[in-house]
Amino acid sequence: MTATQTQQFARVLTDKRVELGKQLRSRDRITIEKSPDELEERVLAAERELALVDLGRVSSTCRQIEAALERVQNESFGVCLSCEREIGQRRLHALPWAALCVKCQEAVERAGGHDEDQLFDLAA
């Protein structure tokens, strides 16, 4: 991967980090509201639970983006953390914070893993 391509990915990652940071700061969806109506209170609780799940997903993606930006800094961006082969351009365009090539990601998923947060141990 050329330095120009890496810098283009770094810009995309930085823009995505800003976008997701705004979502993390907007926590009004998880405020606890009380309602005299039990059914409405259950609906509010379910909506709050969905908002918390979404917040967790956004937070996880932010951590993955930070890790990808660190890989840009140490010039290892685009290299699979598991097999150390180059991650395909199509995968990086679809998921610029990808830490694994498709083959290694599929192996992780087959083994029961699904969250790239689990992969940070590979980078250590």
PDB file of N, CA and C in Angstrom:
ATOM      1  N   MET A   1       0.857  -1.171   0.000  1.00  0.00           N
ATOM      2  CA  MET A   1       0.000   0.000   0.000  1.00  0.00           C
ATOM      3  C   MET A   1       0.902   1.233   0.000  1.00  0.00           C
ATOM      4  N   THR A   2       0.539   2.196  -0.814  1.00  0.00           N
ATOM      5  CA  THR A   2       1.346   3.407  -0.898  1.00  0.00           C
ATOM      6  C   THR A   2       1.049   4.343   0.268  1.00  0.00           C
ATOM      7  N   ALA A   3       1.952   5.265   0.499  1.00  0.00           N
ATOM      8  CA  ALA A   3       1.769   6.245   1.575  1.00  0.00           C
ATOM      9  C   ALA A   3       0.546   7.113   1.302  1.00  0.00           C
ATOM     10  N   THR A   4       0.292   7.428   0.041  1.00  0.00           N
ATOM     11  CA  THR A   4      -0.873   8.230  -0.320  1.00  0.00           C
ATOM     12  C   THR A   4      -2.161   7.489   0.012  1.00  0.00           C
ATOM     13  N   GLN A   5      -2.219   6.214  -0.312  1.00  0.00           N
ATOM     14  CA  GLN A   5      -3.402   5.419   0.012  1.00  0.00           C
ATOM     15  C   GLN A   5      -3.605   5.342   1.517  1.00  0.00           C
ATOM     16  N   THR A   6      -2.522   5.145   2.251  1.00  0.00           N
ATOM     17  CA  THR A   6      -2.620   5.073   3.707  1.00  0.00           C
ATOM     18  C   THR A   6      -3.152   6.380   4.276  1.00  0.00           C
ATOM     19  N   GLN A   7      -2.668   7.497   3.761  1.00  0.00           N
ATOM     20  CA  GLN A   7      -3.143   8.794   4.251  1.00  0.00           C
ATOM     21  C   GLN A   7      -4.614   9.027   3.897  1.00  0.00           C
ATOM     22  N   GLN A   8      -5.051   8.520   2.746  1.00  0.00           N
ATOM     23  CA  GLN A   8      -6.469   8.625   2.392  1.00  0.00           C
ATOM     24  C   GLN A   8      -7.317   7.834   3.392  1.00  0.00           C
ATOM     25  N   PHE A   9      -6.868   6.648   3.743  1.00  0.00           N
ATOM     26  CA  PHE A   9      -7.583   5.856   4.741  1.00  0.00           C
ATOM     27  C   PHE A   9      -7.564   6.559   6.100  1.00  0.00           C
ATOM     28  N   ALA A  10      -6.445   7.185   6.437  1.00  0.00           N
ATOM     29  CA  ALA A  10      -6.350   7.914   7.713  1.00  0.00           C
ATOM     30  C   ALA A  10      -7.374   9.042   7.764  1.00  0.00           C
ATOM     31  N   ARG A  11      -7.571   9.739   6.646  1.00  0.00           N
ATOM     32  CA  ARG A  11      -8.590  10.809   6.599  1.00  0.00           C
ATOM     33  C   ARG A  11      -9.993  10.235   6.775  1.00  0.00           C
ATOM     34  N   VAL A  12     -10.258   9.125   6.115  1.00  0.00           N
ATOM     35  CA  VAL A  12     -11.570   8.480   6.248  1.00  0.00           C
ATOM     36  C   VAL A  12     -11.795   8.054   7.700  1.00  0.00           C
ATOM     37  N   LEU A  13     -10.783   7.470   8.312  1.00  0.00           N
ATOM     38  CA  LEU A  13     -10.885   7.031   9.705  1.00  0.00           C
ATOM     39  C   LEU A  13     -11.103   8.215  10.642  1.00  0.00           C
ATOM     40  N   THR A  14     -10.388   9.289  10.409  1.00  0.00           N
ATOM     41  CA  THR A  14     -10.528  10.477  11.252  1.00  0.00           C
ATOM     42  C   THR A  14     -11.925  11.073  11.120  1.00  0.00           C
ATOM     43  N   ASP A  15     -12.434  11.142   9.890  1.00  0.00           N
ATOM     44  CA  ASP A  15     -13.792  11.667   9.671  1.00  0.00           C
ATOM     45  C   ASP A  15     -14.831  10.793  10.370  1.00  0.00           C
ATOM     46  N   LYS A  16     -14.660   9.486  10.281  1.00  0.00           N
ATOM     47  CA  LYS A  16     -15.594   8.563  10.925  1.00  0.00           C
ATOM     48  C   LYS A  16     -15.518   8.694  12.446  1.00  0.00           C
ATOM     49  N   ARG A  17     -14.312   8.891  12.975  1.00  0.00           N
ATOM     50  CA  ARG A  17     -14.141   9.073  14.417  1.00  0.00           C
ATOM     51  C   ARG A  17     -14.892  10.317  14.895  1.00  0.00           C
ATOM     52  N   VAL A  18     -14.835  11.392  14.133  1.00  0.00           N
ATOM     53  CA  VAL A  18     -15.555  12.625  14.485  1.00  0.00           C
ATOM     54  C   VAL A  18     -17.061  12.371  14.463  1.00  0.00           C
ATOM     55  N   GLU A  19     -17.522  11.710  13.413  1.00  0.00           N
ATOM     56  CA  GLU A  19     -18.950  11.407  13.276  1.00  0.00           C
ATOM     57  C   GLU A  19     -19.455  10.563  14.451  1.00  0.00           C
ATOM     58  N   LEU A  20     -18.716   9.522  14.786  1.00  0.00           N
ATOM     59  CA  LEU A  20     -19.140   8.647  15.877  1.00  0.00           C
ATOM     60  C   LEU A  20     -18.996   9.328  17.234  1.00  0.00           C
ATOM     61  N   GLY A  21     -18.013  10.202  17.362  1.00  0.00           N
ATOM     62  CA  GLY A  21     -17.844  10.945  18.606  1.00  0.00           C
ATOM     63  C   GLY A  21     -19.072  11.782  18.926  1.00  0.00           C
ATOM     64  N   LYS A  22     -19.681  12.346  17.903  1.00  0.00           N
ATOM     65  CA  LYS A  22     -20.911  13.121  18.100  1.00  0.00           C
ATOM     66  C   LYS A  22     -22.025  12.219  18.622  1.00  0.00           C
ATOM     67  N   GLN A  23     -22.107  11.003  18.093  1.00  0.00           N
ATOM     68  CA  GLN A  23     -23.129  10.058  18.555  1.00  0.00           C
ATOM     69  C   GLN A  23     -22.892   9.665  20.007  1.00  0.00           C
ATOM     70  N   LEU A  24     -21.634   9.512  20.388  1.00  0.00           N
ATOM     71  CA  LEU A  24     -21.328   9.131  21.767  1.00  0.00           C
ATOM     72  C   LEU A  24     -21.702  10.230  22.754  1.00  0.00           C
ATOM     73  N   ARG A  25     -21.551  11.470  22.332  1.00  0.00           N
ATOM     74  CA  ARG A  25     -21.888  12.582  23.218  1.00  0.00           C
ATOM     75  C   ARG A  25     -23.387  12.800  23.343  1.00  0.00           C
ATOM     76  N   SER A  26     -24.155  12.294  22.392  1.00  0.00           N
ATOM     77  CA  SER A  26     -25.605  12.454  22.413  1.00  0.00           C
ATOM     78  C   SER A  26     -26.220  11.276  23.164  1.00  0.00           C
ATOM     79  N   ARG A  27     -26.465  11.477  24.446  1.00  0.00           N
ATOM     80  CA  ARG A  27     -26.963  10.380  25.279  1.00  0.00           C
ATOM     81  C   ARG A  27     -28.393  10.605  25.742  1.00  0.00           C
ATOM     82  N   ASP A  28     -29.100  11.508  25.107  1.00  0.00           N
ATOM     83  CA  ASP A  28     -30.466  11.797  25.546  1.00  0.00           C
ATOM     84  C   ASP A  28     -31.403  10.615  25.325  1.00  0.00           C
ATOM     85  N   ARG A  29     -31.019   9.672  24.455  1.00  0.00           N
ATOM     86  CA  ARG A  29     -31.875   8.509  24.206  1.00  0.00           C
ATOM     87  C   ARG A  29     -31.867   7.523  25.363  1.00  0.00           C
ATOM     88  N   ILE A  30     -30.904   7.646  26.271  1.00  0.00           N
ATOM     89  CA  ILE A  30     -30.828   6.672  27.361  1.00  0.00           C
ATOM     90  C   ILE A  30     -31.291   7.262  28.695  1.00  0.00           C
ATOM     91  N   THR A  31     -31.880   8.444  28.650  1.00  0.00           N
ATOM     92  CA  THR A  31     -32.386   9.018  29.895  1.00  0.00           C
ATOM     93  C   THR A  31     -33.537   8.164  30.420  1.00  0.00           C
ATOM     94  N   ILE A  32     -33.606   8.085  31.711  1.00  0.00           N
ATOM     95  CA  ILE A  32     -34.653   7.278  32.349  1.00  0.00           C
ATOM     96  C   ILE A  32     -35.891   8.146  32.525  1.00  0.00           C
ATOM     97  N   GLU A  33     -36.950   7.716  31.895  1.00  0.00           N
ATOM     98  CA  GLU A  33     -38.215   8.431  31.993  1.00  0.00           C
ATOM     99  C   GLU A  33     -39.221   7.536  32.714  1.00  0.00           C
ATOM    100  N   LYS A  34     -39.988   8.152  33.546  1.00  0.00           N
ATOM    101  CA  LYS A  34     -41.031   7.424  34.267  1.00  0.00           C
ATOM    102  C   LYS A  34     -42.376   7.739  33.627  1.00  0.00           C
ATOM    103  N   SER A  35     -43.224   6.757  33.659  1.00  0.00           N
ATOM    104  CA  SER A  35     -44.562   6.927  33.117  1.00  0.00           C
ATOM    105  C   SER A  35     -45.550   6.221  34.047  1.00  0.00           C
ATOM    106  N   PRO A  36     -46.704   6.825  34.248  1.00  0.00           N
ATOM    107  CA  PRO A  36     -47.703   6.152  35.082  1.00  0.00           C
ATOM    108  C   PRO A  36     -48.272   4.908  34.392  1.00  0.00           C
ATOM    109  N   ASP A  37     -48.141   4.854  33.095  1.00  0.00           N
ATOM    110  CA  ASP A  37     -48.658   3.728  32.322  1.00  0.00           C
ATOM    111  C   ASP A  37     -47.578   2.640  32.246  1.00  0.00           C
ATOM    112  N   GLU A  38     -47.894   1.466  32.763  1.00  0.00           N
ATOM    113  CA  GLU A  38     -46.918   0.375  32.807  1.00  0.00           C
ATOM    114  C   GLU A  38     -46.463  -0.042  31.411  1.00  0.00           C
ATOM    115  N   LEU A  39     -47.368  -0.107  30.462  1.00  0.00           N
ATOM    116  CA  LEU A  39     -47.018  -0.493  29.097  1.00  0.00           C
ATOM    117  C   LEU A  39     -46.067   0.530  28.479  1.00  0.00           C
ATOM    118  N   GLU A  40     -46.361   1.786  28.661  1.00  0.00           N
ATOM    119  CA  GLU A  40     -45.496   2.834  28.123  1.00  0.00           C
ATOM    120  C   GLU A  40     -44.116   2.785  28.778  1.00  0.00           C
ATOM    121  N   GLU A  41     -44.071   2.492  30.049  1.00  0.00           N
ATOM    122  CA  GLU A  41     -42.790   2.394  30.752  1.00  0.00           C
ATOM    123  C   GLU A  41     -41.964   1.232  30.198  1.00  0.00           C
ATOM    124  N   ARG A  42     -42.619   0.134  29.863  1.00  0.00           N
ATOM    125  CA  ARG A  42     -41.909  -1.003  29.263  1.00  0.00           C
ATOM    126  C   ARG A  42     -41.366  -0.642  27.878  1.00  0.00           C
ATOM    127  N   VAL A  43     -42.157   0.093  27.119  1.00  0.00           N
ATOM    128  CA  VAL A  43     -41.706   0.533  25.791  1.00  0.00           C
ATOM    129  C   VAL A  43     -40.485   1.439  25.944  1.00  0.00           C
ATOM    130  N   LEU A  44     -40.546   2.378  26.896  1.00  0.00           N
ATOM    131  CA  LEU A  44     -39.415   3.275  27.141  1.00  0.00           C
ATOM    132  C   LEU A  44     -38.180   2.492  27.570  1.00  0.00           C
ATOM    133  N   ALA A  45     -38.361   1.481  28.388  1.00  0.00           N
ATOM    134  CA  ALA A  45     -37.237   0.648  28.839  1.00  0.00           C
ATOM    135  C   ALA A  45     -36.632  -0.116  27.661  1.00  0.00           C
ATOM    136  N   ALA A  46     -37.475  -0.620  26.777  1.00  0.00           N
ATOM    137  CA  ALA A  46     -36.980  -1.340  25.600  1.00  0.00           C
ATOM    138  C   ALA A  46     -36.212  -0.397  24.675  1.00  0.00           C
ATOM    139  N   GLU A  47     -36.724   0.806  24.487  1.00  0.00           N
ATOM    140  CA  GLU A  47     -36.036   1.792  23.655  1.00  0.00           C
ATOM    141  C   GLU A  47     -34.692   2.167  24.261  1.00  0.00           C
ATOM    142  N   ARG A  48     -34.661   2.294  25.576  1.00  0.00           N
ATOM    143  CA  ARG A  48     -33.426   2.617  26.286  1.00  0.00           C
ATOM    144  C   ARG A  48     -32.409   1.485  26.108  1.00  0.00           C
ATOM    145  N   GLU A  49     -32.874   0.246  26.198  1.00  0.00           N
ATOM    146  CA  GLU A  49     -31.992  -0.908  26.021  1.00  0.00           C
ATOM    147  C   GLU A  49     -31.398  -0.920  24.616  1.00  0.00           C
ATOM    148  N   LEU A  50     -32.216  -0.652  23.608  1.00  0.00           N
ATOM    149  CA  LEU A  50     -31.710  -0.584  22.231  1.00  0.00           C
ATOM    150  C   LEU A  50     -30.684   0.529  22.081  1.00  0.00           C
ATOM    151  N   ALA A  51     -30.940   1.669  22.718  1.00  0.00           N
ATOM    152  CA  ALA A  51     -30.004   2.795  22.655  1.00  0.00           C
ATOM    153  C   ALA A  51     -28.675   2.418  23.306  1.00  0.00           C
ATOM    154  N   LEU A  52     -28.718   1.668  24.403  1.00  0.00           N
ATOM    155  CA  LEU A  52     -27.492   1.226  25.070  1.00  0.00           C
ATOM    156  C   LEU A  52     -26.700   0.252  24.205  1.00  0.00           C
ATOM    157  N   VAL A  53     -27.398  -0.641  23.526  1.00  0.00           N
ATOM    158  CA  VAL A  53     -26.736  -1.581  22.614  1.00  0.00           C
ATOM    159  C   VAL A  53     -26.060  -0.802  21.488  1.00  0.00           C
ATOM    160  N   ASP A  54     -26.766   0.190  20.943  1.00  0.00           N
ATOM    161  CA  ASP A  54     -26.216   1.013  19.875  1.00  0.00           C
ATOM    162  C   ASP A  54     -25.004   1.796  20.380  1.00  0.00           C
ATOM    163  N   LEU A  55     -25.093   2.333  21.578  1.00  0.00           N
ATOM    164  CA  LEU A  55     -23.983   3.067  22.176  1.00  0.00           C
ATOM    165  C   LEU A  55     -22.764   2.155  22.333  1.00  0.00           C
ATOM    166  N   GLY A  56     -22.983   0.919  22.732  1.00  0.00           N
ATOM    167  CA  GLY A  56     -21.890  -0.044  22.846  1.00  0.00           C
ATOM    168  C   GLY A  56     -21.244  -0.346  21.508  1.00  0.00           C
ATOM    169  N   ARG A  57     -22.082  -0.468  20.478  1.00  0.00           N
ATOM    170  CA  ARG A  57     -21.566  -0.722  19.125  1.00  0.00           C
ATOM    171  C   ARG A  57     -20.730   0.448  18.640  1.00  0.00           C
ATOM    172  N   VAL A  58     -21.221   1.657  18.859  1.00  0.00           N
ATOM    173  CA  VAL A  58     -20.497   2.859  18.436  1.00  0.00           C
ATOM    174  C   VAL A  58     -19.175   2.970  19.195  1.00  0.00           C
ATOM    175  N   SER A  59     -19.217   2.695  20.478  1.00  0.00           N
ATOM    176  CA  SER A  59     -18.012   2.753  21.299  1.00  0.00           C
ATOM    177  C   SER A  59     -16.974   1.730  20.817  1.00  0.00           C
ATOM    178  N   SER A  60     -17.434   0.530  20.496  1.00  0.00           N
ATOM    179  CA  SER A  60     -16.546  -0.509  19.984  1.00  0.00           C
ATOM    180  C   SER A  60     -15.905  -0.075  18.663  1.00  0.00           C
ATOM    181  N   THR A  61     -16.708   0.494  17.783  1.00  0.00           N
ATOM    182  CA  THR A  61     -16.187   0.962  16.497  1.00  0.00           C
ATOM    183  C   THR A  61     -15.162   2.065  16.707  1.00  0.00           C
ATOM    184  N   CYS A  62     -15.412   2.960  17.665  1.00  0.00           N
ATOM    185  CA  CYS A  62     -14.452   4.024  17.967  1.00  0.00           C
ATOM    186  C   CYS A  62     -13.113   3.442  18.420  1.00  0.00           C
ATOM    187  N   ARG A  63     -13.155   2.417  19.263  1.00  0.00           N
ATOM    188  CA  ARG A  63     -11.911   1.776  19.703  1.00  0.00           C
ATOM    189  C   ARG A  63     -11.179   1.142  18.518  1.00  0.00           C
ATOM    190  N   GLN A  64     -11.921   0.532  17.618  1.00  0.00           N
ATOM    191  CA  GLN A  64     -11.313  -0.084  16.443  1.00  0.00           C
ATOM    192  C   GLN A  64     -10.695   0.969  15.526  1.00  0.00           C
ATOM    193  N   ILE A  65     -11.353   2.123  15.411  1.00  0.00           N
ATOM    194  CA  ILE A  65     -10.822   3.219  14.594  1.00  0.00           C
ATOM    195  C   ILE A  65      -9.538   3.751  15.227  1.00  0.00           C
ATOM    196  N   GLU A  66      -9.538   3.936  16.538  1.00  0.00           N
ATOM    197  CA  GLU A  66      -8.330   4.404  17.227  1.00  0.00           C
ATOM    198  C   GLU A  66      -7.168   3.432  16.995  1.00  0.00           C
ATOM    199  N   ALA A  67      -7.452   2.141  17.075  1.00  0.00           N
ATOM    200  CA  ALA A  67      -6.417   1.135  16.845  1.00  0.00           C
ATOM    201  C   ALA A  67      -5.906   1.205  15.400  1.00  0.00           C
ATOM    202  N   ALA A  68      -6.813   1.425  14.448  1.00  0.00           N
ATOM    203  CA  ALA A  68      -6.414   1.538  13.042  1.00  0.00           C
ATOM    204  C   ALA A  68      -5.543   2.778  12.836  1.00  0.00           C
ATOM    205  N   LEU A  69      -5.894   3.887  13.482  1.00  0.00           N
ATOM    206  CA  LEU A  69      -5.078   5.102  13.368  1.00  0.00           C
ATOM    207  C   LEU A  69      -3.701   4.897  13.997  1.00  0.00           C
ATOM    208  N   GLU A  70      -3.619   4.108  15.052  1.00  0.00           N
ATOM    209  CA  GLU A  70      -2.309   3.762  15.628  1.00  0.00           C
ATOM    210  C   GLU A  70      -1.495   2.938  14.640  1.00  0.00           C
ATOM    211  N   ARG A  71      -2.179   2.033  13.925  1.00  0.00           N
ATOM    212  CA  ARG A  71      -1.468   1.232  12.913  1.00  0.00           C
ATOM    213  C   ARG A  71      -0.978   2.114  11.770  1.00  0.00           C
ATOM    214  N   VAL A  72      -1.727   3.182  11.447  1.00  0.00           N
ATOM    215  CA  VAL A  72      -1.250   4.135  10.439  1.00  0.00           C
ATOM    216  C   VAL A  72       0.040   4.778  10.942  1.00  0.00           C
ATOM    217  N   GLN A  73       0.035   5.205  12.206  1.00  0.00           N
ATOM    218  CA  GLN A  73       1.211   5.870  12.782  1.00  0.00           C
ATOM    219  C   GLN A  73       2.438   4.965  12.810  1.00  0.00           C
ATOM    220  N   ASN A  74       2.246   3.698  13.138  1.00  0.00           N
ATOM    221  CA  ASN A  74       3.423   2.806  13.217  1.00  0.00           C
ATOM    222  C   ASN A  74       3.651   2.042  11.913  1.00  0.00           C
ATOM    223  N   GLU A  75       2.979   2.502  10.862  1.00  0.00           N
ATOM    224  CA  GLU A  75       3.175   1.994   9.496  1.00  0.00           C
ATOM    225  C   GLU A  75       2.841   0.516   9.335  1.00  0.00           C
ATOM    226  N   SER A  76       1.879   0.036  10.123  1.00  0.00           N
ATOM    227  CA  SER A  76       1.439  -1.345   9.963  1.00  0.00           C
ATOM    228  C   SER A  76      -0.014  -1.407   9.490  1.00  0.00           C
ATOM    229  N   PHE A  77      -0.587  -0.272   9.098  1.00  0.00           N
ATOM    230  CA  PHE A  77      -1.965  -0.248   8.623  1.00  0.00           C
ATOM    231  C   PHE A  77      -2.077  -1.077   7.347  1.00  0.00           C
ATOM    232  N   GLY A  78      -3.152  -1.845   7.259  1.00  0.00           N
ATOM    233  CA  GLY A  78      -3.398  -2.653   6.069  1.00  0.00           C
ATOM    234  C   GLY A  78      -2.757  -4.023   6.138  1.00  0.00           C
ATOM    235  N   VAL A  79      -2.151  -4.338   7.279  1.00  0.00           N
ATOM    236  CA  VAL A  79      -1.514  -5.643   7.470  1.00  0.00           C
ATOM    237  C   VAL A  79      -2.326  -6.401   8.518  1.00  0.00           C
ATOM    238  N   CYS A  80      -2.695  -7.623   8.202  1.00  0.00           N
ATOM    239  CA  CYS A  80      -3.489  -8.457   9.098  1.00  0.00           C
ATOM    240  C   CYS A  80      -2.732  -8.706  10.399  1.00  0.00           C
ATOM    241  N   LEU A  81      -3.409  -8.495  11.523  1.00  0.00           N
ATOM    242  CA  LEU A  81      -2.782  -8.703  12.832  1.00  0.00           C
ATOM    243  C   LEU A  81      -2.526 -10.175  13.128  1.00  0.00           C
ATOM    244  N   SER A  82      -3.192 -11.062  12.405  1.00  0.00           N
ATOM    245  CA  SER A  82      -3.040 -12.484  12.665  1.00  0.00           C
ATOM    246  C   SER A  82      -1.982 -13.124  11.767  1.00  0.00           C
ATOM    247  N   CYS A  83      -2.162 -13.024  10.461  1.00  0.00           N
ATOM    248  CA  CYS A  83      -1.254 -13.709   9.535  1.00  0.00           C
ATOM    249  C   CYS A  83      -0.171 -12.794   8.951  1.00  0.00           C
ATOM    250  N   GLU A  84      -0.307 -11.491   9.200  1.00  0.00           N
ATOM    251  CA  GLU A  84       0.647 -10.486   8.743  1.00  0.00           C
ATOM    252  C   GLU A  84       0.706 -10.338   7.223  1.00  0.00           C
ATOM    253  N   ARG A  85      -0.333 -10.793   6.556  1.00  0.00           N
ATOM    254  CA  ARG A  85      -0.434 -10.546   5.114  1.00  0.00           C
ATOM    255  C   ARG A  85      -1.206  -9.258   4.909  1.00  0.00           C
ATOM    256  N   GLU A  86      -1.116  -8.716   3.706  1.00  0.00           N
ATOM    257  CA  GLU A  86      -1.815  -7.472   3.400  1.00  0.00           C
ATOM    258  C   GLU A  86      -3.329  -7.705   3.372  1.00  0.00           C
ATOM    259  N   ILE A  87      -4.068  -6.785   3.975  1.00  0.00           N
ATOM    260  CA  ILE A  87      -5.533  -6.823   3.933  1.00  0.00           C
ATOM    261  C   ILE A  87      -5.954  -6.258   2.583  1.00  0.00           C
ATOM    262  N   GLY A  88      -6.879  -6.920   1.921  1.00  0.00           N
ATOM    263  CA  GLY A  88      -7.314  -6.503   0.594  1.00  0.00           C
ATOM    264  C   GLY A  88      -7.911  -5.103   0.566  1.00  0.00           C
ATOM    265  N   GLN A  89      -7.679  -4.405  -0.533  1.00  0.00           N
ATOM    266  CA  GLN A  89      -8.185  -3.048  -0.709  1.00  0.00           C
ATOM    267  C   GLN A  89      -9.711  -2.987  -0.623  1.00  0.00           C
ATOM    268  N   ARG A  90     -10.382  -3.971  -1.211  1.00  0.00           N
ATOM    269  CA  ARG A  90     -11.851  -3.969  -1.162  1.00  0.00           C
ATOM    270  C   ARG A  90     -12.339  -4.036   0.278  1.00  0.00           C
ATOM    271  N   ARG A  91     -11.694  -4.860   1.100  1.00  0.00           N
ATOM    272  CA  ARG A  91     -12.078  -4.965   2.512  1.00  0.00           C
ATOM    273  C   ARG A  91     -11.826  -3.643   3.230  1.00  0.00           C
ATOM    274  N   LEU A  92     -10.679  -3.036   2.986  1.00  0.00           N
ATOM    275  CA  LEU A  92     -10.368  -1.767   3.652  1.00  0.00           C
ATOM    276  C   LEU A  92     -11.302  -0.641   3.216  1.00  0.00           C
ATOM    277  N   HIS A  93     -11.711  -0.660   1.960  1.00  0.00           N
ATOM    278  CA  HIS A  93     -12.667   0.363   1.511  1.00  0.00           C
ATOM    279  C   HIS A  93     -14.023   0.165   2.188  1.00  0.00           C
ATOM    280  N   ALA A  94     -14.394  -1.080   2.398  1.00  0.00           N
ATOM    281  CA  ALA A  94     -15.674  -1.371   3.052  1.00  0.00           C
ATOM    282  C   ALA A  94     -15.593  -1.165   4.562  1.00  0.00           C
ATOM    283  N   LEU A  95     -14.463  -1.493   5.149  1.00  0.00           N
ATOM    284  CA  LEU A  95     -14.294  -1.448   6.606  1.00  0.00           C
ATOM    285  C   LEU A  95     -12.863  -0.971   6.904  1.00  0.00           C
ATOM    286  N   PRO A  96     -12.635   0.347   6.830  1.00  0.00           N
ATOM    287  CA  PRO A  96     -11.266   0.861   6.932  1.00  0.00           C
ATOM    288  C   PRO A  96     -10.562   0.537   8.248  1.00  0.00           C
ATOM    289  N   TRP A  97     -11.295   0.194   9.285  1.00  0.00           N
ATOM    290  CA  TRP A  97     -10.674  -0.129  10.570  1.00  0.00           C
ATOM    291  C   TRP A  97     -10.433  -1.626  10.723  1.00  0.00           C
ATOM    292  N   ALA A  98     -10.608  -2.385   9.655  1.00  0.00           N
ATOM    293  CA  ALA A  98     -10.404  -3.839   9.724  1.00  0.00           C
ATOM    294  C   ALA A  98      -8.987  -4.153  10.201  1.00  0.00           C
ATOM    295  N   ALA A  99      -8.898  -5.073  11.142  1.00  0.00           N
ATOM    296  CA  ALA A  99      -7.609  -5.483  11.691  1.00  0.00           C
ATOM    297  C   ALA A  99      -7.154  -6.824  11.120  1.00  0.00           C
ATOM    298  N   LEU A 100      -8.076  -7.537  10.496  1.00  0.00           N
ATOM    299  CA  LEU A 100      -7.781  -8.860   9.953  1.00  0.00           C
ATOM    300  C   LEU A 100      -8.166  -8.937   8.491  1.00  0.00           C
ATOM    301  N   CYS A 101      -7.467  -9.790   7.762  1.00  0.00           N
ATOM    302  CA  CYS A 101      -7.867 -10.082   6.385  1.00  0.00           C
ATOM    303  C   CYS A 101      -9.154 -10.912   6.436  1.00  0.00           C
ATOM    304  N   VAL A 102      -9.791 -11.069   5.315  1.00  0.00           N
ATOM    305  CA  VAL A 102     -11.054 -11.801   5.259  1.00  0.00           C
ATOM    306  C   VAL A 102     -10.883 -13.229   5.764  1.00  0.00           C
ATOM    307  N   LYS A 103      -9.823 -13.894   5.340  1.00  0.00           N
ATOM    308  CA  LYS A 103      -9.602 -15.289   5.732  1.00  0.00           C
ATOM    309  C   LYS A 103      -9.470 -15.423   7.252  1.00  0.00           C
ATOM    310  N   CYS A 104      -8.688 -14.565   7.876  1.00  0.00           N
ATOM    311  CA  CYS A 104      -8.499 -14.642   9.333  1.00  0.00           C
ATOM    312  C   CYS A 104      -9.765 -14.213  10.071  1.00  0.00           C
ATOM    313  N   GLN A 105     -10.491 -13.231   9.542  1.00  0.00           N
ATOM    314  CA  GLN A 105     -11.742 -12.808  10.167  1.00  0.00           C
ATOM    315  C   GLN A 105     -12.753 -13.945  10.147  1.00  0.00           C
ATOM    316  N   GLU A 106     -12.828 -14.647   9.024  1.00  0.00           N
ATOM    317  CA  GLU A 106     -13.741 -15.786   8.933  1.00  0.00           C
ATOM    318  C   GLU A 106     -13.351 -16.871   9.936  1.00  0.00           C
ATOM    319  N   ALA A 107     -12.048 -17.097  10.123  1.00  0.00           N
ATOM    320  CA  ALA A 107     -11.591 -18.103  11.088  1.00  0.00           C
ATOM    321  C   ALA A 107     -11.995 -17.704  12.505  1.00  0.00           C
ATOM    322  N   VAL A 108     -11.883 -16.417  12.838  1.00  0.00           N
ATOM    323  CA  VAL A 108     -12.296 -15.930  14.155  1.00  0.00           C
ATOM    324  C   VAL A 108     -13.791 -16.155  14.349  1.00  0.00           C
ATOM    325  N   GLU A 109     -14.565 -15.841  13.327  1.00  0.00           N
ATOM    326  CA  GLU A 109     -16.020 -16.006  13.422  1.00  0.00           C
ATOM    327  C   GLU A 109     -16.411 -17.469  13.538  1.00  0.00           C
ATOM    328  N   ARG A 110     -15.732 -18.346  12.813  1.00  0.00           N
ATOM    329  CA  ARG A 110     -16.015 -19.781  12.923  1.00  0.00           C
ATOM    330  C   ARG A 110     -15.682 -20.304  14.312  1.00  0.00           C
ATOM    331  N   ALA A 111     -14.677 -19.711  14.936  1.00  0.00           N
ATOM    332  CA  ALA A 111     -14.266 -20.143  16.277  1.00  0.00           C
ATOM    333  C   ALA A 111     -15.164 -19.566  17.364  1.00  0.00           C
ATOM    334  N   GLY A 112     -16.168 -18.801  16.948  1.00  0.00           N
ATOM    335  CA  GLY A 112     -17.121 -18.271  17.921  1.00  0.00           C
ATOM    336  C   GLY A 112     -16.902 -16.824  18.277  1.00  0.00           C
ATOM    337  N   GLY A 113     -15.871 -16.209  17.764  1.00  0.00           N
ATOM    338  CA  GLY A 113     -15.638 -14.784  18.005  1.00  0.00           C
ATOM    339  C   GLY A 113     -16.389 -13.967  16.980  1.00  0.00           C
ATOM    340  N   HIS A 114     -16.704 -12.741  17.326  1.00  0.00           N
ATOM    341  CA  HIS A 114     -17.393 -11.889  16.362  1.00  0.00           C
ATOM    342  C   HIS A 114     -17.049 -10.427  16.532  1.00  0.00           C
ATOM    343  N   ASP A 115     -16.389 -10.067  17.601  1.00  0.00           N
ATOM    344  CA  ASP A 115     -16.127  -8.676  17.904  1.00  0.00           C
ATOM    345  C   ASP A 115     -14.638  -8.404  17.757  1.00  0.00           C
ATOM    346  N   GLU A 116     -14.274  -7.444  16.917  1.00  0.00           N
ATOM    347  CA  GLU A 116     -12.865  -7.139  16.715  1.00  0.00           C
ATOM    348  C   GLU A 116     -12.206  -6.624  17.980  1.00  0.00           C
ATOM    349  N   ASP A 117     -12.979  -6.193  18.972  1.00  0.00           N
ATOM    350  CA  ASP A 117     -12.380  -5.776  20.243  1.00  0.00           C
ATOM    351  C   ASP A 117     -11.556  -6.918  20.826  1.00  0.00           C
ATOM    352  N   GLN A 118     -11.967  -8.154  20.575  1.00  0.00           N
ATOM    353  CA  GLN A 118     -11.247  -9.317  21.085  1.00  0.00           C
ATOM    354  C   GLN A 118      -9.874  -9.432  20.444  1.00  0.00           C
ATOM    355  N   LEU A 119      -9.670  -8.764  19.328  1.00  0.00           N
ATOM    356  CA  LEU A 119      -8.430  -8.918  18.573  1.00  0.00           C
ATOM    357  C   LEU A 119      -7.327  -8.010  19.064  1.00  0.00           C
ATOM    358  N   PHE A 120      -7.635  -7.068  19.948  1.00  0.00           N
ATOM    359  CA  PHE A 120      -6.606  -6.163  20.414  1.00  0.00           C
ATOM    360  C   PHE A 120      -5.496  -6.926  21.123  1.00  0.00           C
ATOM    361  N   ASP A 121      -5.791  -8.088  21.665  1.00  0.00           N
ATOM    362  CA  ASP A 121      -4.774  -8.908  22.308  1.00  0.00           C
ATOM    363  C   ASP A 121      -3.734  -9.372  21.288  1.00  0.00           C
ATOM    364  N   LEU A 122      -4.148  -9.535  20.038  1.00  0.00           N
ATOM    365  CA  LEU A 122      -3.212  -9.954  18.994  1.00  0.00           C
ATOM    366  C   LEU A 122      -2.176  -8.883  18.725  1.00  0.00           C
ATOM    367  N   ALA A 123      -2.579  -7.619  18.864  1.00  0.00           N
ATOM    368  CA  ALA A 123      -1.666  -6.520  18.538  1.00  0.00           C
ATOM    369  C   ALA A 123      -0.651  -6.283  19.653  1.00  0.00           C
ATOM    370  N   ALA A 124      -0.937  -6.770  20.845  1.00  0.00           N
ATOM    371  CA  ALA A 124      -0.044  -6.508  21.985  1.00  0.00           C
ATOM    372  C   ALA A 124       1.219  -7.341  21.918  1.00  0.00           C
TER     373      ALA A 124
END
